[in-house]
Amino acid sequence: VIAKLNDRGHETVPAAPSTGVDTLTGEGLSAALAG
């Protein structure tokens, strides 16, 4: 999905525990969603 959205010219942010975003705990969510 990231690759296909990039091809469409969008700015993408891959969010996962490995990138510091954990939806179970909420860690990193606010920073990732800014803007």
Full PDB file with SEQRES, HELIX, SHEET, SSBOND, CRYST1, ORIGX, SCALE, CONECT and MASTER records, all heavy atoms in Angstrom:
SEQRES   1 A   35  VAL ILE ALA LYS LEU ASN ASP ARG GLY HIS GLU THR VAL          
SEQRES   2 A   35  PRO ALA ALA PRO SER THR GLY VAL ASP THR LEU THR GLY          
SEQRES   3 A   35  GLU GLY LEU SER ALA ALA LEU ALA GLY                          
HELIX    1 AA1 ILE A    2  ASP A    7  1                                   6    
HELIX    2 AA2 PRO A   17  THR A   19  5                                   3    
HELIX    3 AA3 LEU A   29  LEU A   33  1                                   5    
CRYST1    1.000    1.000    1.000  90.00  90.00  90.00 P 1           1          
ORIGX1      1.000000  0.000000  0.000000        0.00000                         
ORIGX2      0.000000  1.000000  0.000000        0.00000                         
ORIGX3      0.000000  0.000000  1.000000        0.00000                         
SCALE1      1.000000  0.000000  0.000000        0.00000                         
SCALE2      0.000000  1.000000  0.000000        0.00000                         
SCALE3      0.000000  0.000000  1.000000        0.00000                         
ATOM      1  N   VAL A   1       0.838  -1.200   0.000  1.00  0.00           N  
ATOM      2  CA  VAL A   1       0.000   0.000   0.000  1.00  0.00           C  
ATOM      3  C   VAL A   1       0.878   1.256   0.000  1.00  0.00           C  
ATOM      4  O   VAL A   1       0.616   2.215  -0.745  1.00  0.00           O  
ATOM      5  CB  VAL A   1      -0.954   0.003   1.210  1.00  0.00           C  
ATOM      6  CG1 VAL A   1      -1.662   1.350   1.345  1.00  0.00           C  
ATOM      7  CG2 VAL A   1      -1.983  -1.117   1.082  1.00  0.00           C  
ATOM      8  N   ILE A   2       1.913   1.256   0.824  1.00  0.00           N  
ATOM      9  CA  ILE A   2       2.847   2.388   0.861  1.00  0.00           C  
ATOM     10  C   ILE A   2       3.414   2.666  -0.530  1.00  0.00           C  
ATOM     11  O   ILE A   2       3.438   3.814  -1.004  1.00  0.00           O  
ATOM     12  CB  ILE A   2       4.000   2.107   1.857  1.00  0.00           C  
ATOM     13  CG1 ILE A   2       3.500   2.138   3.297  1.00  0.00           C  
ATOM     14  CG2 ILE A   2       5.172   3.061   1.639  1.00  0.00           C  
ATOM     15  CD1 ILE A   2       3.348   3.507   3.900  1.00  0.00           C  
ATOM     16  N   ALA A   3       3.882   1.618  -1.203  1.00  0.00           N  
ATOM     17  CA  ALA A   3       4.485   1.790  -2.528  1.00  0.00           C  
ATOM     18  C   ALA A   3       3.473   2.347  -3.528  1.00  0.00           C  
ATOM     19  O   ALA A   3       3.802   3.240  -4.335  1.00  0.00           O  
ATOM     20  CB  ALA A   3       5.048   0.458  -3.021  1.00  0.00           C  
ATOM     21  N   LYS A   4       2.248   1.850  -3.480  1.00  0.00           N  
ATOM     22  CA  LYS A   4       1.235   2.300  -4.439  1.00  0.00           C  
ATOM     23  C   LYS A   4       0.802   3.744  -4.161  1.00  0.00           C  
ATOM     24  O   LYS A   4       0.559   4.514  -5.104  1.00  0.00           O  
ATOM     25  CB  LYS A   4       0.038   1.343  -4.403  1.00  0.00           C  
ATOM     26  CG  LYS A   4       0.384  -0.038  -4.969  1.00  0.00           C  
ATOM     27  CD  LYS A   4      -0.778  -0.992  -4.886  1.00  0.00           C  
ATOM     28  CE  LYS A   4      -0.369  -2.380  -5.395  1.00  0.00           C  
ATOM     29  NZ  LYS A   4       0.021  -2.363  -6.820  1.00  0.00           N  
ATOM     30  N   LEU A   5       0.717   4.126  -2.899  1.00  0.00           N  
ATOM     31  CA  LEU A   5       0.379   5.512  -2.581  1.00  0.00           C  
ATOM     32  C   LEU A   5       1.518   6.457  -2.939  1.00  0.00           C  
ATOM     33  O   LEU A   5       1.287   7.573  -3.419  1.00  0.00           O  
ATOM     34  CB  LEU A   5       0.028   5.632  -1.097  1.00  0.00           C  
ATOM     35  CG  LEU A   5      -1.292   4.977  -0.682  1.00  0.00           C  
ATOM     36  CD1 LEU A   5      -1.437   4.999   0.830  1.00  0.00           C  
ATOM     37  CD2 LEU A   5      -2.483   5.673  -1.340  1.00  0.00           C  
ATOM     38  N   ASN A   6       2.753   6.017  -2.727  1.00  0.00           N  
ATOM     39  CA  ASN A   6       3.901   6.830  -3.145  1.00  0.00           C  
ATOM     40  C   ASN A   6       3.888   7.055  -4.650  1.00  0.00           C  
ATOM     41  O   ASN A   6       4.188   8.152  -5.133  1.00  0.00           O  
ATOM     42  CB  ASN A   6       5.207   6.151  -2.724  1.00  0.00           C  
ATOM     43  CG  ASN A   6       5.471   6.247  -1.241  1.00  0.00           C  
ATOM     44  OD1 ASN A   6       4.886   7.085  -0.542  1.00  0.00           O  
ATOM     45  ND2 ASN A   6       6.342   5.388  -0.726  1.00  0.00           N  
ATOM     46  N   ASP A   7       3.534   6.002  -5.393  1.00  0.00           N  
ATOM     47  CA  ASP A   7       3.459   6.129  -6.851  1.00  0.00           C  
ATOM     48  C   ASP A   7       2.393   7.136  -7.270  1.00  0.00           C  
ATOM     49  O   ASP A   7       2.502   7.738  -8.340  1.00  0.00           O  
ATOM     50  CB  ASP A   7       3.152   4.770  -7.488  1.00  0.00           C  
ATOM     51  CG  ASP A   7       4.330   3.810  -7.433  1.00  0.00           C  
ATOM     52  OD1 ASP A   7       5.464   4.268  -7.181  1.00  0.00           O  
ATOM     53  OD2 ASP A   7       4.112   2.595  -7.650  1.00  0.00           O  
ATOM     54  N   ARG A   8       1.379   7.308  -6.429  1.00  0.00           N  
ATOM     55  CA  ARG A   8       0.332   8.285  -6.727  1.00  0.00           C  
ATOM     56  C   ARG A   8       0.709   9.687  -6.281  1.00  0.00           C  
ATOM     57  O   ARG A   8      -0.064  10.633  -6.429  1.00  0.00           O  
ATOM     58  CB  ARG A   8      -0.976   7.869  -6.044  1.00  0.00           C  
ATOM     59  CG  ARG A   8      -1.685   6.673  -6.680  1.00  0.00           C  
ATOM     60  CD  ARG A   8      -2.841   6.224  -5.793  1.00  0.00           C  
ATOM     61  NE  ARG A   8      -3.811   5.373  -6.455  1.00  0.00           N  
ATOM     62  CZ  ARG A   8      -3.712   4.056  -6.554  1.00  0.00           C  
ATOM     63  NH1 ARG A   8      -2.661   3.420  -6.039  1.00  0.00           N  
ATOM     64  NH2 ARG A   8      -4.665   3.351  -7.174  1.00  0.00           N  
ATOM     65  N   GLY A   9       1.878   9.828  -5.681  1.00  0.00           N  
ATOM     66  CA  GLY A   9       2.368  11.144  -5.286  1.00  0.00           C  
ATOM     67  C   GLY A   9       2.024  11.571  -3.876  1.00  0.00           C  
ATOM     68  O   GLY A   9       2.247  12.736  -3.508  1.00  0.00           O  
ATOM     69  N   HIS A  10       1.515  10.654  -3.049  1.00  0.00           N  
ATOM     70  CA  HIS A  10       1.172  11.003  -1.677  1.00  0.00           C  
ATOM     71  C   HIS A  10       2.384  10.879  -0.757  1.00  0.00           C  
ATOM     72  O   HIS A  10       3.330  10.134  -1.039  1.00  0.00           O  
ATOM     73  CB  HIS A  10       0.049  10.094  -1.165  1.00  0.00           C  
ATOM     74  CG  HIS A  10      -1.218  10.209  -1.962  1.00  0.00           C  
ATOM     75  ND1 HIS A  10      -1.993  11.348  -1.945  1.00  0.00           N  
ATOM     76  CD2 HIS A  10      -1.832   9.340  -2.816  1.00  0.00           C  
ATOM     77  CE1 HIS A  10      -3.037  11.179  -2.741  1.00  0.00           C  
ATOM     78  NE2 HIS A  10      -2.958   9.973  -3.280  1.00  0.00           N  
ATOM     79  N   GLU A  11       2.332  11.596   0.346  1.00  0.00           N  
ATOM     80  CA  GLU A  11       3.335  11.447   1.403  1.00  0.00           C  
ATOM     81  C   GLU A  11       2.848  10.360   2.341  1.00  0.00           C  
ATOM     82  O   GLU A  11       1.742  10.448   2.882  1.00  0.00           O  
ATOM     83  CB  GLU A  11       3.485  12.763   2.165  1.00  0.00           C  
ATOM     84  CG  GLU A  11       4.425  12.670   3.376  1.00  0.00           C  
ATOM     85  CD  GLU A  11       4.343  13.884   4.265  1.00  0.00           C  
ATOM     86  OE1 GLU A  11       3.667  14.865   3.902  1.00  0.00           O  
ATOM     87  OE2 GLU A  11       4.952  13.843   5.365  1.00  0.00           O  
ATOM     88  N   THR A  12       3.644   9.321   2.533  1.00  0.00           N  
ATOM     89  CA  THR A  12       3.194   8.200   3.349  1.00  0.00           C  
ATOM     90  C   THR A  12       4.083   8.011   4.567  1.00  0.00           C  
ATOM     91  O   THR A  12       5.281   8.293   4.538  1.00  0.00           O  
ATOM     92  CB  THR A  12       3.185   6.888   2.540  1.00  0.00           C  
ATOM     93  OG1 THR A  12       4.494   6.648   2.021  1.00  0.00           O  
ATOM     94  CG2 THR A  12       2.187   6.942   1.401  1.00  0.00           C  
ATOM     95  N   VAL A  13       3.455   7.499   5.634  1.00  0.00           N  
ATOM     96  CA  VAL A  13       4.165   7.181   6.873  1.00  0.00           C  
ATOM     97  C   VAL A  13       3.849   5.738   7.242  1.00  0.00           C  
ATOM     98  O   VAL A  13       2.701   5.424   7.568  1.00  0.00           O  
ATOM     99  CB  VAL A  13       3.745   8.115   8.021  1.00  0.00           C  
ATOM    100  CG1 VAL A  13       4.455   7.715   9.313  1.00  0.00           C  
ATOM    101  CG2 VAL A  13       4.015   9.565   7.671  1.00  0.00           C  
ATOM    102  N   PRO A  14       4.827   4.825   7.180  1.00  0.00           N  
ATOM    103  CA  PRO A  14       4.571   3.457   7.625  1.00  0.00           C  
ATOM    104  C   PRO A  14       4.610   3.394   9.153  1.00  0.00           C  
ATOM    105  O   PRO A  14       5.619   3.726   9.774  1.00  0.00           O  
ATOM    106  CB  PRO A  14       5.727   2.661   6.999  1.00  0.00           C  
ATOM    107  CG  PRO A  14       6.824   3.660   6.822  1.00  0.00           C  
ATOM    108  CD  PRO A  14       6.177   4.996   6.620  1.00  0.00           C  
ATOM    109  N   ALA A  15       3.498   3.008   9.754  1.00  0.00           N  
ATOM    110  CA  ALA A  15       3.393   2.997  11.216  1.00  0.00           C  
ATOM    111  C   ALA A  15       3.256   1.558  11.703  1.00  0.00           C  
ATOM    112  O   ALA A  15       2.358   0.827  11.281  1.00  0.00           O  
ATOM    113  CB  ALA A  15       2.197   3.819  11.669  1.00  0.00           C  
ATOM    114  N   ALA A  16       4.161   1.165  12.590  1.00  0.00           N  
ATOM    115  CA  ALA A  16       4.183  -0.179  13.155  1.00  0.00           C  
ATOM    116  C   ALA A  16       5.052  -0.136  14.400  1.00  0.00           C  
ATOM    117  O   ALA A  16       5.800   0.835  14.605  1.00  0.00           O  
ATOM    118  CB  ALA A  16       4.744  -1.169  12.136  1.00  0.00           C  
ATOM    119  N   PRO A  17       4.974  -1.152  15.257  1.00  0.00           N  
ATOM    120  CA  PRO A  17       5.863  -1.159  16.415  1.00  0.00           C  
ATOM    121  C   PRO A  17       7.332  -0.983  16.055  1.00  0.00           C  
ATOM    122  O   PRO A  17       8.079  -0.329  16.783  1.00  0.00           O  
ATOM    123  CB  PRO A  17       5.585  -2.537  17.043  1.00  0.00           C  
ATOM    124  CG  PRO A  17       4.160  -2.796  16.712  1.00  0.00           C  
ATOM    125  CD  PRO A  17       3.979  -2.258  15.327  1.00  0.00           C  
ATOM    126  N   SER A  18       7.740  -1.517  14.916  1.00  0.00           N  
ATOM    127  CA  SER A  18       9.140  -1.396  14.505  1.00  0.00           C  
ATOM    128  C   SER A  18       9.517   0.025  14.112  1.00  0.00           C  
ATOM    129  O   SER A  18      10.705   0.364  14.056  1.00  0.00           O  
ATOM    130  CB  SER A  18       9.436  -2.344  13.341  1.00  0.00           C  
ATOM    131  OG  SER A  18       8.643  -2.009  12.209  1.00  0.00           O  
ATOM    132  N   THR A  19       8.513   0.880  13.838  1.00  0.00           N  
ATOM    133  CA  THR A  19       8.790   2.283  13.518  1.00  0.00           C  
ATOM    134  C   THR A  19       8.427   3.199  14.686  1.00  0.00           C  
ATOM    135  O   THR A  19       8.358   4.419  14.524  1.00  0.00           O  
ATOM    136  CB  THR A  19       8.029   2.729  12.256  1.00  0.00           C  
ATOM    137  OG1 THR A  19       6.613   2.744  12.529  1.00  0.00           O  
ATOM    138  CG2 THR A  19       8.313   1.800  11.086  1.00  0.00           C  
ATOM    139  N   GLY A  20       8.141   2.600  15.860  1.00  0.00           N  
ATOM    140  CA  GLY A  20       7.860   3.397  17.054  1.00  0.00           C  
ATOM    141  C   GLY A  20       6.410   3.743  17.259  1.00  0.00           C  
ATOM    142  O   GLY A  20       6.093   4.605  18.093  1.00  0.00           O  
ATOM    143  N   VAL A  21       5.503   3.065  16.535  1.00  0.00           N  
ATOM    144  CA  VAL A  21       4.077   3.341  16.675  1.00  0.00           C  
ATOM    145  C   VAL A  21       3.373   2.064  17.108  1.00  0.00           C  
ATOM    146  O   VAL A  21       3.402   1.058  16.397  1.00  0.00           O  
ATOM    147  CB  VAL A  21       3.462   3.852  15.357  1.00  0.00           C  
ATOM    148  CG1 VAL A  21       1.973   4.140  15.544  1.00  0.00           C  
ATOM    149  CG2 VAL A  21       4.187   5.101  14.878  1.00  0.00           C  
ATOM    150  N   ASP A  22       2.731   2.107  18.270  1.00  0.00           N  
ATOM    151  CA  ASP A  22       2.052   0.936  18.807  1.00  0.00           C  
ATOM    152  C   ASP A  22       0.598   1.300  19.088  1.00  0.00           C  
ATOM    153  O   ASP A  22       0.311   2.055  20.016  1.00  0.00           O  
ATOM    154  CB  ASP A  22       2.739   0.470  20.097  1.00  0.00           C  
ATOM    155  CG  ASP A  22       2.234  -0.877  20.587  1.00  0.00           C  
ATOM    156  OD1 ASP A  22       1.055  -1.191  20.337  1.00  0.00           O  
ATOM    157  OD2 ASP A  22       3.004  -1.602  21.236  1.00  0.00           O  
ATOM    158  N   THR A  23      -0.316   0.761  18.280  1.00  0.00           N  
ATOM    159  CA  THR A  23      -1.726   1.123  18.455  1.00  0.00           C  
ATOM    160  C   THR A  23      -2.338   0.489  19.699  1.00  0.00           C  
ATOM    161  O   THR A  23      -3.351   0.981  20.197  1.00  0.00           O  
ATOM    162  CB  THR A  23      -2.544   0.699  17.222  1.00  0.00           C  
ATOM    163  OG1 THR A  23      -2.324  -0.686  16.951  1.00  0.00           O  
ATOM    164  CG2 THR A  23      -2.156   1.531  16.011  1.00  0.00           C  
ATOM    165  N   LEU A  24      -1.748  -0.575  20.224  1.00  0.00           N  
ATOM    166  CA  LEU A  24      -2.278  -1.187  21.446  1.00  0.00           C  
ATOM    167  C   LEU A  24      -2.032  -0.311  22.667  1.00  0.00           C  
ATOM    168  O   LEU A  24      -2.892  -0.178  23.536  1.00  0.00           O  
ATOM    169  CB  LEU A  24      -1.654  -2.561  21.667  1.00  0.00           C  
ATOM    170  CG  LEU A  24      -2.357  -3.750  21.009  1.00  0.00           C  
ATOM    171  CD1 LEU A  24      -1.617  -5.034  21.332  1.00  0.00           C  
ATOM    172  CD2 LEU A  24      -3.808  -3.854  21.458  1.00  0.00           C  
ATOM    173  N   THR A  25      -0.858   0.293  22.744  1.00  0.00           N  
ATOM    174  CA  THR A  25      -0.525   1.152  23.882  1.00  0.00           C  
ATOM    175  C   THR A  25      -0.766   2.625  23.584  1.00  0.00           C  
ATOM    176  O   THR A  25      -0.823   3.446  24.500  1.00  0.00           O  
ATOM    177  CB  THR A  25       0.943   0.966  24.276  1.00  0.00           C  
ATOM    178  OG1 THR A  25       1.776   1.419  23.197  1.00  0.00           O  
ATOM    179  CG2 THR A  25       1.250  -0.498  24.562  1.00  0.00           C  
ATOM    180  N   GLY A  26      -0.848   2.973  22.305  1.00  0.00           N  
ATOM    181  CA  GLY A  26      -0.960   4.369  21.900  1.00  0.00           C  
ATOM    182  C   GLY A  26       0.376   5.050  21.704  1.00  0.00           C  
ATOM    183  O   GLY A  26       0.437   6.219  21.280  1.00  0.00           O  
ATOM    184  N   GLU A  27       1.465   4.334  21.972  1.00  0.00           N  
ATOM    185  CA  GLU A  27       2.796   4.925  21.854  1.00  0.00           C  
ATOM    186  C   GLU A  27       3.065   5.390  20.419  1.00  0.00           C  
ATOM    187  O   GLU A  27       2.883   4.642  19.465  1.00  0.00           O  
ATOM    188  CB  GLU A  27       3.859   3.913  22.247  1.00  0.00           C  
ATOM    189  CG  GLU A  27       5.290   4.438  22.122  1.00  0.00           C  
ATOM    190  CD  GLU A  27       6.331   3.373  22.400  1.00  0.00           C  
ATOM    191  OE1 GLU A  27       5.940   2.224  22.696  1.00  0.00           O  
ATOM    192  OE2 GLU A  27       7.522   3.680  22.304  1.00  0.00           O  
ATOM    193  N   GLY A  28       3.474   6.648  20.266  1.00  0.00           N  
ATOM    194  CA  GLY A  28       3.874   7.179  18.977  1.00  0.00           C  
ATOM    195  C   GLY A  28       2.745   7.580  18.050  1.00  0.00           C  
ATOM    196  O   GLY A  28       2.992   8.121  16.962  1.00  0.00           O  
ATOM    197  N   LEU A  29       1.486   7.350  18.468  1.00  0.00           N  
ATOM    198  CA  LEU A  29       0.372   7.636  17.565  1.00  0.00           C  
ATOM    199  C   LEU A  29       0.232   9.129  17.271  1.00  0.00           C  
ATOM    200  O   LEU A  29       0.074   9.527  16.116  1.00  0.00           O  
ATOM    201  CB  LEU A  29      -0.938   7.110  18.155  1.00  0.00           C  
ATOM    202  CG  LEU A  29      -1.403   5.718  17.744  1.00  0.00           C  
ATOM    203  CD1 LEU A  29      -2.726   5.386  18.422  1.00  0.00           C  
ATOM    204  CD2 LEU A  29      -1.528   5.622  16.230  1.00  0.00           C  
ATOM    205  N   SER A  30       0.263   9.939  18.296  1.00  0.00           N  
ATOM    206  CA  SER A  30       0.045  11.378  18.097  1.00  0.00           C  
ATOM    207  C   SER A  30       1.072  11.969  17.149  1.00  0.00           C  
ATOM    208  O   SER A  30       0.728  12.743  16.241  1.00  0.00           O  
ATOM    209  CB  SER A  30       0.095  12.108  19.442  1.00  0.00           C  
ATOM    210  OG  SER A  30      -0.966  11.692  20.273  1.00  0.00           O  
ATOM    211  N   ALA A  31       2.324  11.598  17.339  1.00  0.00           N  
ATOM    212  CA  ALA A  31       3.376  12.129  16.475  1.00  0.00           C  
ATOM    213  C   ALA A  31       3.205  11.652  15.037  1.00  0.00           C  
ATOM    214  O   ALA A  31       3.376  12.427  14.087  1.00  0.00           O  
ATOM    215  CB  ALA A  31       4.751  11.709  17.007  1.00  0.00           C  
ATOM    216  N   ALA A  32       2.845  10.386  14.861  1.00  0.00           N  
ATOM    217  CA  ALA A  32       2.696   9.842  13.512  1.00  0.00           C  
ATOM    218  C   ALA A  32       1.534  10.479  12.769  1.00  0.00           C  
ATOM    219  O   ALA A  32       1.598  10.701  11.555  1.00  0.00           O  
ATOM    220  CB  ALA A  32       2.510   8.331  13.573  1.00  0.00           C  
ATOM    221  N   LEU A  33       0.450  10.808  13.496  1.00  0.00           N  
ATOM    222  CA  LEU A  33      -0.754  11.326  12.848  1.00  0.00           C  
ATOM    223  C   LEU A  33      -0.743  12.833  12.648  1.00  0.00           C  
ATOM    224  O   LEU A  33      -1.630  13.373  11.982  1.00  0.00           O  
ATOM    225  CB  LEU A  33      -1.984  10.943  13.671  1.00  0.00           C  
ATOM    226  CG  LEU A  33      -2.273   9.444  13.844  1.00  0.00           C  
ATOM    227  CD1 LEU A  33      -3.585   9.249  14.577  1.00  0.00           C  
ATOM    228  CD2 LEU A  33      -2.290   8.725  12.522  1.00  0.00           C  
ATOM    229  N   ALA A  34       0.229  13.510  13.198  1.00  0.00           N  
ATOM    230  CA  ALA A  34       0.270  14.971  13.073  1.00  0.00           C  
ATOM    231  C   ALA A  34       0.299  15.374  11.600  1.00  0.00           C  
ATOM    232  O   ALA A  34       1.181  14.971  10.849  1.00  0.00           O  
ATOM    233  CB  ALA A  34       1.493  15.520  13.793  1.00  0.00           C  
ATOM    234  N   GLY A  35      -0.693  16.159  11.207  1.00  0.00           N  
ATOM    235  CA  GLY A  35      -0.753  16.662   9.838  1.00  0.00           C  
ATOM    236  C   GLY A  35      -1.300  15.683   8.824  1.00  0.00           C  
ATOM    237  O   GLY A  35      -1.357  15.997   7.621  1.00  0.00           O  
TER     238      GLY A  35                                                      
MASTER        0    0    0    3    0    0    0    6  237    1    0    3          
END                                                                             
